[in-house]
Amino acid sequence: MNRLTRFSIAVSAAAALMSASIVEARMYRYTDENGQIVISSTIPQEASRRGYDILSKSGRVIETIDPEPTEEEIAAREAEEKRQAEAERQRELDRKLLERYSHPDEAVRAMHRKIRELQGLNQLKRGNISVIVSQLDSEQSRAADLERSGRDIPEATLEKIRRLEAQIRDIEREINSQNANIKALRERFEADIERLEEITDEERTLPLDPDDLEES
């Protein structure tokens, strides 16, 4: 056995003896159920939940173990963590909002542009409905003439009427959906504008309704 091996073994043995002596020397100081301070080599589970000190053989505090948190403390801690997470989320939202707009009026203008764009699409759809209604009126008039003359209405004519009516209904649903989108868009923008007023300490000078802007 070489010198290095003998030295390693000696160090390991010394460490083991030191560890064993520390374990043996450990004492616990805790408060019992009557509020009395107790120093013992063991500690009851219930007492350990109230927190305790680990002492050396000489009575020096080696480590202090905190009490287990109460349900109220756990709930308060979770609420605080949730509050902090929400505050961080709001800070990130504010940062992104300020990247888009430096003043509430910029958001107002962006809202006006988007609303006009969507309203323009609706206008095109209403124009399509007008064209289809004209075609439908023509087909229905032709069918009425055939009925008055006592002749049967061709199935192709009836099918065309049904198709035109279905097209009108589909476009009307699209317009209604678009109107709902416009409403939701306005609500999101208005919330952003209000938030911008808070974080920039600046008030908007433009009306929220694009029509009011045109009138002024």
N, C-alpha and C. Protein backbone atom coordinates (compact mmCIF):
# COMPACT_ATOMS: atom_id res chain seq x y z
N MET A 1 0.86 -1.20 0.00
CA MET A 1 0.00 0.00 0.00
C MET A 1 0.89 1.25 0.00
N ASN A 2 0.69 2.13 -0.98
CA ASN A 2 1.55 3.30 -1.07
C ASN A 2 1.11 4.39 -0.09
N ARG A 3 1.94 5.45 -0.01
CA ARG A 3 1.70 6.51 0.96
C ARG A 3 0.39 7.25 0.67
N LEU A 4 0.07 7.48 -0.64
CA LEU A 4 -1.15 8.20 -1.00
C LEU A 4 -2.39 7.44 -0.59
N THR A 5 -2.36 6.11 -0.78
CA THR A 5 -3.51 5.29 -0.42
C THR A 5 -3.74 5.31 1.09
N ARG A 6 -2.59 5.17 1.86
CA ARG A 6 -2.72 5.18 3.32
C ARG A 6 -3.26 6.52 3.81
N PHE A 7 -2.84 7.61 3.15
CA PHE A 7 -3.31 8.94 3.53
C PHE A 7 -4.81 9.09 3.25
N SER A 8 -5.29 8.59 2.10
CA SER A 8 -6.71 8.67 1.74
C SER A 8 -7.56 7.91 2.73
N ILE A 9 -7.07 6.75 3.11
CA ILE A 9 -7.83 5.94 4.06
C ILE A 9 -7.91 6.65 5.40
N ALA A 10 -6.79 7.25 5.80
CA ALA A 10 -6.75 7.96 7.09
C ALA A 10 -7.71 9.14 7.09
N VAL A 11 -7.74 9.89 5.97
CA VAL A 11 -8.64 11.05 5.86
C VAL A 11 -10.09 10.59 5.91
N SER A 12 -10.42 9.52 5.19
CA SER A 12 -11.79 9.01 5.17
C SER A 12 -12.22 8.56 6.55
N ALA A 13 -11.32 7.90 7.25
CA ALA A 13 -11.65 7.42 8.59
C ALA A 13 -11.87 8.60 9.53
N ALA A 14 -11.02 9.60 9.42
CA ALA A 14 -11.15 10.78 10.27
C ALA A 14 -12.46 11.49 10.00
N ALA A 15 -12.83 11.60 8.71
CA ALA A 15 -14.09 12.27 8.35
C ALA A 15 -15.28 11.50 8.89
N ALA A 16 -15.18 10.16 8.82
CA ALA A 16 -16.28 9.34 9.33
C ALA A 16 -16.44 9.52 10.83
N LEU A 17 -15.30 9.53 11.54
CA LEU A 17 -15.36 9.71 12.99
C LEU A 17 -15.90 11.08 13.35
N MET A 18 -15.48 12.10 12.58
CA MET A 18 -15.95 13.46 12.84
C MET A 18 -17.44 13.55 12.61
N SER A 19 -17.91 12.94 11.50
CA SER A 19 -19.34 12.97 11.19
C SER A 19 -20.13 12.27 12.27
N ALA A 20 -19.62 11.13 12.72
CA ALA A 20 -20.32 10.36 13.76
C ALA A 20 -20.38 11.15 15.05
N SER A 21 -19.27 11.86 15.37
CA SER A 21 -19.25 12.62 16.62
C SER A 21 -20.22 13.79 16.56
N ILE A 22 -20.33 14.41 15.33
CA ILE A 22 -21.27 15.52 15.18
C ILE A 22 -22.71 15.04 15.38
N VAL A 23 -22.99 13.88 14.75
CA VAL A 23 -24.35 13.34 14.87
C VAL A 23 -24.66 13.04 16.32
N GLU A 24 -23.68 12.42 17.01
CA GLU A 24 -23.91 12.06 18.40
C GLU A 24 -24.07 13.30 19.27
N ALA A 25 -23.35 14.35 18.87
CA ALA A 25 -23.37 15.54 19.71
C ALA A 25 -24.60 16.40 19.49
N ARG A 26 -25.37 16.13 18.46
CA ARG A 26 -26.52 16.98 18.17
C ARG A 26 -27.60 16.87 19.24
N MET A 27 -28.13 18.05 19.59
CA MET A 27 -29.27 18.13 20.50
C MET A 27 -30.31 19.03 19.85
N TYR A 28 -31.52 18.95 20.33
CA TYR A 28 -32.62 19.73 19.75
C TYR A 28 -33.26 20.58 20.84
N ARG A 29 -33.55 21.79 20.49
CA ARG A 29 -34.25 22.69 21.40
C ARG A 29 -35.56 23.09 20.74
N TYR A 30 -36.65 22.83 21.42
CA TYR A 30 -37.96 23.11 20.84
C TYR A 30 -38.94 23.51 21.94
N THR A 31 -40.11 23.95 21.53
CA THR A 31 -41.17 24.34 22.46
C THR A 31 -42.24 23.26 22.45
N ASP A 32 -42.57 22.75 23.62
CA ASP A 32 -43.58 21.68 23.67
C ASP A 32 -44.99 22.27 23.61
N GLU A 33 -45.97 21.39 23.73
CA GLU A 33 -47.37 21.83 23.60
C GLU A 33 -47.81 22.76 24.72
N ASN A 34 -47.03 22.80 25.81
CA ASN A 34 -47.36 23.69 26.93
C ASN A 34 -46.59 25.00 26.87
N GLY A 35 -45.84 25.18 25.79
CA GLY A 35 -45.08 26.41 25.65
C GLY A 35 -43.75 26.40 26.38
N GLN A 36 -43.34 25.24 26.90
CA GLN A 36 -42.08 25.13 27.63
C GLN A 36 -40.93 24.79 26.68
N ILE A 37 -39.76 25.39 26.93
CA ILE A 37 -38.57 25.10 26.15
C ILE A 37 -38.00 23.76 26.58
N VAL A 38 -37.75 22.89 25.61
CA VAL A 38 -37.22 21.56 25.91
C VAL A 38 -35.95 21.36 25.10
N ILE A 39 -34.92 20.79 25.75
CA ILE A 39 -33.69 20.41 25.06
C ILE A 39 -33.56 18.91 25.19
N SER A 40 -33.46 18.24 24.05
CA SER A 40 -33.45 16.79 24.06
C SER A 40 -32.66 16.28 22.87
N SER A 41 -32.28 14.99 22.95
CA SER A 41 -31.56 14.36 21.84
C SER A 41 -32.52 13.90 20.74
N THR A 42 -33.80 13.94 21.04
CA THR A 42 -34.83 13.60 20.05
C THR A 42 -35.88 14.70 20.04
N ILE A 43 -36.69 14.68 19.01
CA ILE A 43 -37.73 15.71 18.92
C ILE A 43 -39.01 15.08 18.38
N PRO A 44 -40.14 15.27 19.07
CA PRO A 44 -41.41 14.71 18.58
C PRO A 44 -41.82 15.35 17.25
N GLN A 45 -42.56 14.61 16.48
CA GLN A 45 -42.97 15.11 15.17
C GLN A 45 -43.81 16.38 15.29
N GLU A 46 -44.74 16.39 16.23
CA GLU A 46 -45.58 17.57 16.40
C GLU A 46 -44.75 18.79 16.76
N ALA A 47 -43.74 18.59 17.61
CA ALA A 47 -42.89 19.71 18.00
C ALA A 47 -42.05 20.19 16.83
N SER A 48 -41.61 19.26 15.99
CA SER A 48 -40.78 19.64 14.85
C SER A 48 -41.54 20.54 13.89
N ARG A 49 -42.85 20.37 13.84
CA ARG A 49 -43.65 21.21 12.96
C ARG A 49 -43.70 22.65 13.45
N ARG A 50 -43.45 22.85 14.75
CA ARG A 50 -43.48 24.21 15.29
C ARG A 50 -42.14 24.91 15.13
N GLY A 51 -41.14 24.19 14.59
CA GLY A 51 -39.82 24.77 14.42
C GLY A 51 -38.93 24.43 15.60
N TYR A 52 -37.63 24.39 15.38
CA TYR A 52 -36.72 24.02 16.46
C TYR A 52 -35.29 24.43 16.08
N ASP A 53 -34.40 24.35 17.09
CA ASP A 53 -32.98 24.63 16.89
C ASP A 53 -32.20 23.34 17.03
N ILE A 54 -31.17 23.22 16.21
CA ILE A 54 -30.22 22.12 16.35
C ILE A 54 -29.01 22.68 17.10
N LEU A 55 -28.64 22.03 18.20
CA LEU A 55 -27.58 22.52 19.06
C LEU A 55 -26.36 21.60 19.00
N SER A 56 -25.21 22.20 19.21
CA SER A 56 -24.00 21.40 19.37
C SER A 56 -23.93 20.89 20.81
N LYS A 57 -22.93 20.07 21.09
CA LYS A 57 -22.80 19.52 22.44
C LYS A 57 -22.59 20.63 23.47
N SER A 58 -21.98 21.73 22.99
CA SER A 58 -21.72 22.84 23.90
C SER A 58 -22.92 23.78 24.04
N GLY A 59 -23.99 23.49 23.29
CA GLY A 59 -25.19 24.31 23.39
C GLY A 59 -25.27 25.41 22.34
N ARG A 60 -24.31 25.44 21.44
CA ARG A 60 -24.34 26.45 20.38
C ARG A 60 -25.34 26.05 19.31
N VAL A 61 -26.09 27.04 18.78
CA VAL A 61 -27.08 26.77 17.73
C VAL A 61 -26.36 26.52 16.42
N ILE A 62 -26.52 25.31 15.90
CA ILE A 62 -25.91 24.94 14.61
C ILE A 62 -26.81 25.35 13.46
N GLU A 63 -28.10 25.13 13.66
CA GLU A 63 -29.07 25.42 12.58
C GLU A 63 -30.43 25.66 13.21
N THR A 64 -31.20 26.57 12.60
CA THR A 64 -32.56 26.84 13.04
C THR A 64 -33.53 26.39 11.95
N ILE A 65 -34.44 25.54 12.32
CA ILE A 65 -35.47 25.04 11.40
C ILE A 65 -36.76 25.83 11.64
N ASP A 66 -37.23 26.49 10.61
CA ASP A 66 -38.44 27.31 10.75
C ASP A 66 -39.68 26.44 10.91
N PRO A 67 -40.72 26.99 11.56
CA PRO A 67 -41.98 26.22 11.68
C PRO A 67 -42.62 25.99 10.32
N GLU A 68 -43.42 24.94 10.23
CA GLU A 68 -44.19 24.71 9.02
C GLU A 68 -45.21 25.84 8.87
N PRO A 69 -45.40 26.33 7.67
CA PRO A 69 -46.36 27.43 7.49
C PRO A 69 -47.79 26.96 7.74
N THR A 70 -48.60 27.87 8.26
CA THR A 70 -50.01 27.55 8.47
C THR A 70 -50.77 27.63 7.14
N GLU A 71 -52.00 27.16 7.15
CA GLU A 71 -52.82 27.24 5.93
C GLU A 71 -53.01 28.69 5.51
N GLU A 72 -53.18 29.58 6.50
CA GLU A 72 -53.35 31.00 6.19
C GLU A 72 -52.08 31.57 5.56
N GLU A 73 -50.94 31.17 6.10
CA GLU A 73 -49.66 31.66 5.55
C GLU A 73 -49.43 31.13 4.14
N ILE A 74 -49.79 29.85 3.93
CA ILE A 74 -49.65 29.27 2.59
C ILE A 74 -50.54 30.01 1.60
N ALA A 75 -51.80 30.25 2.03
CA ALA A 75 -52.74 30.96 1.16
C ALA A 75 -52.24 32.37 0.86
N ALA A 76 -51.71 33.05 1.88
CA ALA A 76 -51.20 34.41 1.68
C ALA A 76 -50.00 34.41 0.74
N ARG A 77 -49.13 33.41 0.90
CA ARG A 77 -47.96 33.32 0.03
C ARG A 77 -48.36 33.06 -1.41
N GLU A 78 -49.32 32.15 -1.60
CA GLU A 78 -49.80 31.86 -2.95
C GLU A 78 -50.47 33.07 -3.57
N ALA A 79 -51.22 33.81 -2.75
CA ALA A 79 -51.88 35.02 -3.25
C ALA A 79 -50.84 36.06 -3.67
N GLU A 80 -49.78 36.18 -2.87
CA GLU A 80 -48.72 37.14 -3.20
C GLU A 80 -47.97 36.73 -4.47
N GLU A 81 -47.73 35.43 -4.60
CA GLU A 81 -47.07 34.94 -5.81
C GLU A 81 -47.93 35.19 -7.04
N LYS A 82 -49.23 34.98 -6.87
CA LYS A 82 -50.16 35.24 -7.97
C LYS A 82 -50.19 36.73 -8.32
N ARG A 83 -50.18 37.58 -7.27
CA ARG A 83 -50.19 39.03 -7.50
C ARG A 83 -48.92 39.48 -8.24
N GLN A 84 -47.80 38.94 -7.82
CA GLN A 84 -46.54 39.30 -8.46
C GLN A 84 -46.50 38.82 -9.91
N ALA A 85 -47.03 37.61 -10.14
CA ALA A 85 -47.05 37.08 -11.51
C ALA A 85 -47.95 37.94 -12.39
N GLU A 86 -49.08 38.36 -11.85
CA GLU A 86 -50.00 39.21 -12.60
C GLU A 86 -49.38 40.58 -12.88
N ALA A 87 -48.66 41.10 -11.88
CA ALA A 87 -47.99 42.38 -12.07
C ALA A 87 -46.92 42.29 -13.15
N GLU A 88 -46.19 41.18 -13.16
CA GLU A 88 -45.17 40.98 -14.19
C GLU A 88 -45.80 40.84 -15.57
N ARG A 89 -46.92 40.11 -15.62
CA ARG A 89 -47.63 39.96 -16.90
C ARG A 89 -48.11 41.31 -17.41
N GLN A 90 -48.62 42.15 -16.48
CA GLN A 90 -49.10 43.48 -16.87
C GLN A 90 -47.95 44.36 -17.35
N ARG A 91 -46.80 44.25 -16.69
CA ARG A 91 -45.64 45.03 -17.13
C ARG A 91 -45.22 44.64 -18.55
N GLU A 92 -45.28 43.35 -18.85
CA GLU A 92 -44.92 42.89 -20.18
C GLU A 92 -45.93 43.37 -21.22
N LEU A 93 -47.22 43.33 -20.85
CA LEU A 93 -48.25 43.84 -21.76
C LEU A 93 -48.07 45.34 -22.00
N ASP A 94 -47.76 46.06 -20.95
CA ASP A 94 -47.55 47.51 -21.09
C ASP A 94 -46.35 47.80 -21.99
N ARG A 95 -45.30 47.01 -21.81
CA ARG A 95 -44.10 47.22 -22.64
C ARG A 95 -44.42 47.02 -24.12
N LYS A 96 -45.16 45.96 -24.43
CA LYS A 96 -45.53 45.70 -25.82
C LYS A 96 -46.48 46.77 -26.35
N LEU A 97 -47.37 47.26 -25.48
CA LEU A 97 -48.31 48.30 -25.90
C LEU A 97 -47.56 49.58 -26.25
N LEU A 98 -46.57 49.93 -25.43
CA LEU A 98 -45.79 51.14 -25.68
C LEU A 98 -44.89 51.01 -26.91
N GLU A 99 -44.57 49.76 -27.27
CA GLU A 99 -43.81 49.56 -28.50
C GLU A 99 -44.66 49.91 -29.72
N ARG A 100 -45.98 49.72 -29.60
CA ARG A 100 -46.88 50.01 -30.73
C ARG A 100 -47.31 51.46 -30.75
N TYR A 101 -47.59 52.01 -29.58
CA TYR A 101 -48.12 53.37 -29.52
C TYR A 101 -47.42 54.14 -28.39
N SER A 102 -46.99 55.35 -28.71
CA SER A 102 -46.36 56.19 -27.69
C SER A 102 -47.34 57.17 -27.07
N HIS A 103 -48.52 57.30 -27.69
CA HIS A 103 -49.54 58.24 -27.19
C HIS A 103 -50.92 57.63 -27.47
N PRO A 104 -51.90 57.88 -26.60
CA PRO A 104 -53.25 57.32 -26.82
C PRO A 104 -53.83 57.66 -28.19
N ASP A 105 -53.54 58.85 -28.72
CA ASP A 105 -54.09 59.24 -30.02
C ASP A 105 -53.60 58.33 -31.15
N GLU A 106 -52.38 57.78 -31.01
CA GLU A 106 -51.88 56.87 -32.02
C GLU A 106 -52.74 55.60 -32.07
N ALA A 107 -53.16 55.13 -30.91
CA ALA A 107 -54.03 53.96 -30.85
C ALA A 107 -55.42 54.29 -31.40
N VAL A 108 -55.89 55.51 -31.14
CA VAL A 108 -57.20 55.93 -31.67
C VAL A 108 -57.16 55.92 -33.20
N ARG A 109 -56.10 56.47 -33.76
CA ARG A 109 -55.99 56.51 -35.22
C ARG A 109 -55.92 55.10 -35.80
N ALA A 110 -55.17 54.23 -35.14
CA ALA A 110 -55.07 52.83 -35.61
C ALA A 110 -56.44 52.15 -35.56
N MET A 111 -57.21 52.43 -34.51
CA MET A 111 -58.54 51.86 -34.39
C MET A 111 -59.44 52.36 -35.51
N HIS A 112 -59.39 53.66 -35.80
CA HIS A 112 -60.21 54.22 -36.88
C HIS A 112 -59.87 53.57 -38.21
N ARG A 113 -58.56 53.39 -38.49
CA ARG A 113 -58.16 52.78 -39.76
C ARG A 113 -58.70 51.36 -39.87
N LYS A 114 -58.58 50.59 -38.80
CA LYS A 114 -59.02 49.19 -38.85
C LYS A 114 -60.53 49.10 -38.98
N ILE A 115 -61.25 49.94 -38.25
CA ILE A 115 -62.71 49.91 -38.33
C ILE A 115 -63.18 50.28 -39.73
N ARG A 116 -62.58 51.32 -40.32
CA ARG A 116 -62.95 51.71 -41.68
C ARG A 116 -62.67 50.58 -42.68
N GLU A 117 -61.57 49.89 -42.46
CA GLU A 117 -61.23 48.78 -43.36
C GLU A 117 -62.29 47.69 -43.30
N LEU A 118 -62.69 47.32 -42.08
CA LEU A 118 -63.70 46.27 -41.93
C LEU A 118 -65.07 46.75 -42.42
N GLN A 119 -65.39 48.00 -42.15
CA GLN A 119 -66.66 48.54 -42.64
C GLN A 119 -66.67 48.60 -44.16
N GLY A 120 -65.51 48.87 -44.77
CA GLY A 120 -65.43 48.87 -46.23
C GLY A 120 -65.70 47.50 -46.81
N LEU A 121 -65.20 46.47 -46.13
CA LEU A 121 -65.48 45.10 -46.59
C LEU A 121 -66.97 44.80 -46.49
N ASN A 122 -67.60 45.29 -45.44
CA ASN A 122 -69.04 45.10 -45.31
C ASN A 122 -69.81 45.82 -46.41
N GLN A 123 -69.33 46.98 -46.79
CA GLN A 123 -69.98 47.71 -47.87
C GLN A 123 -69.92 46.91 -49.18
N LEU A 124 -68.78 46.29 -49.43
CA LEU A 124 -68.65 45.45 -50.63
C LEU A 124 -69.63 44.29 -50.57
N LYS A 125 -69.75 43.70 -49.40
CA LYS A 125 -70.68 42.57 -49.25
C LYS A 125 -72.12 43.03 -49.46
N ARG A 126 -72.46 44.21 -48.98
CA ARG A 126 -73.82 44.72 -49.20
C ARG A 126 -74.06 45.00 -50.68
N GLY A 127 -73.00 45.44 -51.37
CA GLY A 127 -73.13 45.63 -52.81
C GLY A 127 -73.38 44.31 -53.51
N ASN A 128 -72.71 43.25 -53.05
CA ASN A 128 -72.94 41.93 -53.63
C ASN A 128 -74.37 41.47 -53.39
N ILE A 129 -74.88 41.78 -52.19
CA ILE A 129 -76.28 41.42 -51.90
C ILE A 129 -77.22 42.14 -52.85
N SER A 130 -76.95 43.41 -53.12
CA SER A 130 -77.82 44.17 -54.03
C SER A 130 -77.86 43.54 -55.41
N VAL A 131 -76.71 43.09 -55.91
CA VAL A 131 -76.65 42.44 -57.22
C VAL A 131 -77.45 41.14 -57.21
N ILE A 132 -77.27 40.36 -56.13
CA ILE A 132 -77.97 39.08 -56.04
C ILE A 132 -79.47 39.30 -55.89
N VAL A 133 -79.86 40.32 -55.11
CA VAL A 133 -81.30 40.62 -54.93
C VAL A 133 -81.92 40.98 -56.27
N SER A 134 -81.19 41.72 -57.09
CA SER A 134 -81.71 42.09 -58.41
C SER A 134 -81.92 40.84 -59.27
N GLN A 135 -80.96 39.92 -59.20
CA GLN A 135 -81.11 38.66 -59.94
C GLN A 135 -82.28 37.85 -59.40
N LEU A 136 -82.41 37.84 -58.08
CA LEU A 136 -83.49 37.09 -57.46
C LEU A 136 -84.85 37.66 -57.85
N ASP A 137 -84.97 39.00 -57.85
CA ASP A 137 -86.22 39.63 -58.24
C ASP A 137 -86.60 39.24 -59.67
N SER A 138 -85.61 39.20 -60.54
CA SER A 138 -85.85 38.86 -61.93
C SER A 138 -86.36 37.43 -62.06
N GLU A 139 -85.71 36.51 -61.35
CA GLU A 139 -86.13 35.10 -61.41
C GLU A 139 -87.51 34.91 -60.79
N GLN A 140 -87.76 35.57 -59.67
CA GLN A 140 -89.07 35.44 -59.02
C GLN A 140 -90.17 36.05 -59.89
N SER A 141 -89.87 37.15 -60.58
CA SER A 141 -90.84 37.77 -61.48
C SER A 141 -91.16 36.83 -62.64
N ARG A 142 -90.10 36.18 -63.17
CA ARG A 142 -90.32 35.23 -64.26
C ARG A 142 -91.17 34.05 -63.79
N ALA A 143 -90.89 33.58 -62.60
CA ALA A 143 -91.65 32.46 -62.05
C ALA A 143 -93.11 32.86 -61.83
N ALA A 144 -93.33 34.08 -61.37
CA ALA A 144 -94.70 34.56 -61.14
C ALA A 144 -95.47 34.66 -62.45
N ASP A 145 -94.79 35.11 -63.50
CA ASP A 145 -95.43 35.21 -64.81
C ASP A 145 -95.85 33.83 -65.30
N LEU A 146 -94.99 32.85 -65.09
CA LEU A 146 -95.33 31.48 -65.51
C LEU A 146 -96.53 30.96 -64.74
N GLU A 147 -96.58 31.25 -63.45
CA GLU A 147 -97.72 30.78 -62.64
C GLU A 147 -99.01 31.43 -63.10
N ARG A 148 -98.96 32.73 -63.37
CA ARG A 148 -100.17 33.42 -63.80
C ARG A 148 -100.68 32.89 -65.15
N SER A 149 -99.74 32.45 -65.97
CA SER A 149 -100.16 31.93 -67.28
C SER A 149 -100.56 30.46 -67.21
N GLY A 150 -100.49 29.88 -66.03
CA GLY A 150 -100.90 28.50 -65.86
C GLY A 150 -99.84 27.49 -66.22
N ARG A 151 -98.62 27.94 -66.45
CA ARG A 151 -97.55 27.01 -66.81
C ARG A 151 -96.74 26.64 -65.57
N ASP A 152 -96.09 25.49 -65.67
CA ASP A 152 -95.24 25.03 -64.58
C ASP A 152 -93.93 25.80 -64.56
N ILE A 153 -93.43 26.00 -63.37
CA ILE A 153 -92.13 26.68 -63.22
C ILE A 153 -91.04 25.63 -63.35
N PRO A 154 -90.11 25.81 -64.26
CA PRO A 154 -89.03 24.83 -64.44
C PRO A 154 -88.24 24.63 -63.14
N GLU A 155 -87.81 23.41 -62.92
CA GLU A 155 -87.02 23.11 -61.72
C GLU A 155 -85.73 23.91 -61.69
N ALA A 156 -85.15 24.17 -62.86
CA ALA A 156 -83.91 24.95 -62.93
C ALA A 156 -84.14 26.35 -62.38
N THR A 157 -85.32 26.93 -62.68
CA THR A 157 -85.63 28.27 -62.17
C THR A 157 -85.80 28.25 -60.66
N LEU A 158 -86.50 27.24 -60.16
CA LEU A 158 -86.69 27.11 -58.71
C LEU A 158 -85.35 26.91 -58.00
N GLU A 159 -84.50 26.10 -58.61
CA GLU A 159 -83.19 25.84 -58.01
C GLU A 159 -82.35 27.12 -57.98
N LYS A 160 -82.43 27.91 -59.04
CA LYS A 160 -81.69 29.17 -59.08
C LYS A 160 -82.19 30.13 -58.01
N ILE A 161 -83.50 30.18 -57.83
CA ILE A 161 -84.07 31.04 -56.79
C ILE A 161 -83.56 30.62 -55.41
N ARG A 162 -83.58 29.30 -55.17
CA ARG A 162 -83.10 28.80 -53.87
C ARG A 162 -81.62 29.12 -53.68
N ARG A 163 -80.85 28.99 -54.76
CA ARG A 163 -79.42 29.26 -54.66
C ARG A 163 -79.15 30.74 -54.37
N LEU A 164 -79.89 31.60 -55.05
CA LEU A 164 -79.72 33.04 -54.83
C LEU A 164 -80.12 33.43 -53.40
N GLU A 165 -81.20 32.85 -52.91
CA GLU A 165 -81.63 33.13 -51.53
C GLU A 165 -80.58 32.66 -50.53
N ALA A 166 -79.98 31.49 -50.80
CA ALA A 166 -78.94 30.97 -49.90
C ALA A 166 -77.71 31.87 -49.92
N GLN A 167 -77.36 32.39 -51.09
CA GLN A 167 -76.21 33.30 -51.19
C GLN A 167 -76.44 34.56 -50.37
N ILE A 168 -77.65 35.08 -50.43
CA ILE A 168 -77.98 36.28 -49.65
C ILE A 168 -77.85 36.00 -48.15
N ARG A 169 -78.38 34.85 -47.73
CA ARG A 169 -78.29 34.50 -46.30
C ARG A 169 -76.84 34.34 -45.87
N ASP A 170 -76.02 33.71 -46.72
CA ASP A 170 -74.61 33.51 -46.37
C ASP A 170 -73.88 34.85 -46.21
N ILE A 171 -74.15 35.76 -47.15
CA ILE A 171 -73.47 37.06 -47.08
C ILE A 171 -73.95 37.85 -45.87
N GLU A 172 -75.24 37.76 -45.56
CA GLU A 172 -75.76 38.46 -44.39
C GLU A 172 -75.11 37.92 -43.11
N ARG A 173 -74.88 36.60 -43.06
CA ARG A 173 -74.19 36.03 -41.90
C ARG A 173 -72.76 36.55 -41.81
N GLU A 174 -72.11 36.66 -42.97
CA GLU A 174 -70.75 37.20 -42.99
C GLU A 174 -70.72 38.64 -42.48
N ILE A 175 -71.71 39.42 -42.89
CA ILE A 175 -71.78 40.81 -42.43
C ILE A 175 -72.00 40.87 -40.92
N ASN A 176 -72.89 40.02 -40.41
CA ASN A 176 -73.15 39.99 -38.98
C ASN A 176 -71.89 39.59 -38.20
N SER A 177 -71.18 38.60 -38.74
CA SER A 177 -69.94 38.17 -38.10
C SER A 177 -68.91 39.29 -38.13
N GLN A 178 -68.84 39.99 -39.25
CA GLN A 178 -67.91 41.11 -39.37
C GLN A 178 -68.26 42.22 -38.38
N ASN A 179 -69.56 42.48 -38.22
CA ASN A 179 -69.98 43.50 -37.25
C ASN A 179 -69.58 43.12 -35.83
N ALA A 180 -69.69 41.81 -35.53
CA ALA A 180 -69.26 41.34 -34.21
C ALA A 180 -67.75 41.52 -34.04
N ASN A 181 -67.01 41.28 -35.12
CA ASN A 181 -65.56 41.49 -35.07
C ASN A 181 -65.22 42.96 -34.85
N ILE A 182 -65.98 43.83 -35.51
CA ILE A 182 -65.75 45.27 -35.34
C ILE A 182 -66.00 45.68 -33.89
N LYS A 183 -67.07 45.15 -33.31
CA LYS A 183 -67.40 45.47 -31.92
C LYS A 183 -66.29 45.00 -30.98
N ALA A 184 -65.82 43.75 -31.19
CA ALA A 184 -64.75 43.21 -30.34
C ALA A 184 -63.46 44.00 -30.53
N LEU A 185 -63.18 44.37 -31.77
CA LEU A 185 -61.99 45.17 -32.07
C LEU A 185 -62.04 46.51 -31.34
N ARG A 186 -63.19 47.15 -31.41
CA ARG A 186 -63.35 48.45 -30.75
C ARG A 186 -63.13 48.30 -29.24
N GLU A 187 -63.68 47.25 -28.65
CA GLU A 187 -63.53 47.05 -27.21
C GLU A 187 -62.06 46.84 -26.83
N ARG A 188 -61.32 46.06 -27.64
CA ARG A 188 -59.91 45.84 -27.35
C ARG A 188 -59.12 47.15 -27.46
N PHE A 189 -59.40 47.90 -28.52
CA PHE A 189 -58.69 49.17 -28.70
C PHE A 189 -59.02 50.15 -27.58
N GLU A 190 -60.28 50.22 -27.20
CA GLU A 190 -60.67 51.16 -26.15
C GLU A 190 -59.97 50.81 -24.82
N ALA A 191 -59.83 49.50 -24.56
CA ALA A 191 -59.11 49.08 -23.35
C ALA A 191 -57.64 49.49 -23.44
N ASP A 192 -57.05 49.31 -24.62
CA ASP A 192 -55.65 49.71 -24.81
C ASP A 192 -55.48 51.23 -24.67
N ILE A 193 -56.43 51.96 -25.23
CA ILE A 193 -56.35 53.43 -25.16
C ILE A 193 -56.45 53.89 -23.70
N GLU A 194 -57.36 53.29 -22.96
CA GLU A 194 -57.50 53.65 -21.54
C GLU A 194 -56.22 53.33 -20.78
N ARG A 195 -55.62 52.17 -21.09
CA ARG A 195 -54.38 51.79 -20.41
C ARG A 195 -53.24 52.74 -20.79
N LEU A 196 -53.19 53.14 -22.04
CA LEU A 196 -52.17 54.08 -22.48
C LEU A 196 -52.29 55.41 -21.75
N GLU A 197 -53.51 55.85 -21.52
CA GLU A 197 -53.71 57.09 -20.78
C GLU A 197 -53.14 56.96 -19.37
N GLU A 198 -53.24 55.76 -18.80
CA GLU A 198 -52.74 55.56 -17.44
C GLU A 198 -51.21 55.53 -17.41
N ILE A 199 -50.60 54.76 -18.32
CA ILE A 199 -49.16 54.55 -18.22
C ILE A 199 -48.34 55.69 -18.85
N THR A 200 -48.97 56.48 -19.73
CA THR A 200 -48.26 57.63 -20.31
C THR A 200 -48.63 58.93 -19.62
N ASP A 201 -49.68 58.88 -18.81
CA ASP A 201 -50.19 60.09 -18.15
C ASP A 201 -50.58 61.16 -19.18
N GLU A 202 -51.07 60.67 -20.33
CA GLU A 202 -51.53 61.56 -21.41
C GLU A 202 -52.96 61.19 -21.77
N GLU A 203 -53.81 62.17 -22.02
CA GLU A 203 -55.19 61.91 -22.41
C GLU A 203 -55.33 61.99 -23.92
N ARG A 204 -56.21 61.16 -24.44
CA ARG A 204 -56.47 61.22 -25.88
C ARG A 204 -57.16 62.53 -26.22
N THR A 205 -56.92 63.02 -27.41
CA THR A 205 -57.58 64.25 -27.87
C THR A 205 -58.53 63.97 -29.03
N LEU A 206 -58.53 62.74 -29.52
CA LEU A 206 -59.38 62.35 -30.66
C LEU A 206 -60.59 61.58 -30.18
N PRO A 207 -61.74 61.72 -30.86
CA PRO A 207 -62.94 60.95 -30.49
C PRO A 207 -62.76 59.47 -30.82
N LEU A 208 -63.41 58.63 -30.06
CA LEU A 208 -63.31 57.20 -30.30
C LEU A 208 -64.08 56.78 -31.55
N ASP A 209 -65.18 57.47 -31.85
CA ASP A 209 -65.98 57.12 -33.02
C ASP A 209 -65.44 57.82 -34.25
N PRO A 210 -65.09 57.08 -35.30
CA PRO A 210 -64.56 57.71 -36.52
C PRO A 210 -65.53 58.73 -37.13
N ASP A 211 -66.82 58.48 -37.00
CA ASP A 211 -67.80 59.41 -37.56
C ASP A 211 -67.75 60.76 -36.87
N ASP A 212 -67.49 60.75 -35.56
CA ASP A 212 -67.37 62.01 -34.81
C ASP A 212 -66.15 62.79 -35.28
N LEU A 213 -65.09 62.07 -35.67
CA LEU A 213 -63.89 62.73 -36.14
C LEU A 213 -64.15 63.44 -37.45
N GLU A 214 -64.92 62.79 -38.35
CA GLU A 214 -65.24 63.39 -39.63
C GLU A 214 -66.12 64.62 -39.47
N GLU A 215 -67.05 64.56 -38.53
CA GLU A 215 -67.96 65.70 -38.30
C GLU A 215 -67.22 66.90 -37.74
N SER A 216 -66.20 66.64 -36.92
CA SER A 216 -65.46 67.75 -36.33
C SER A 216 -64.48 68.34 -37.32
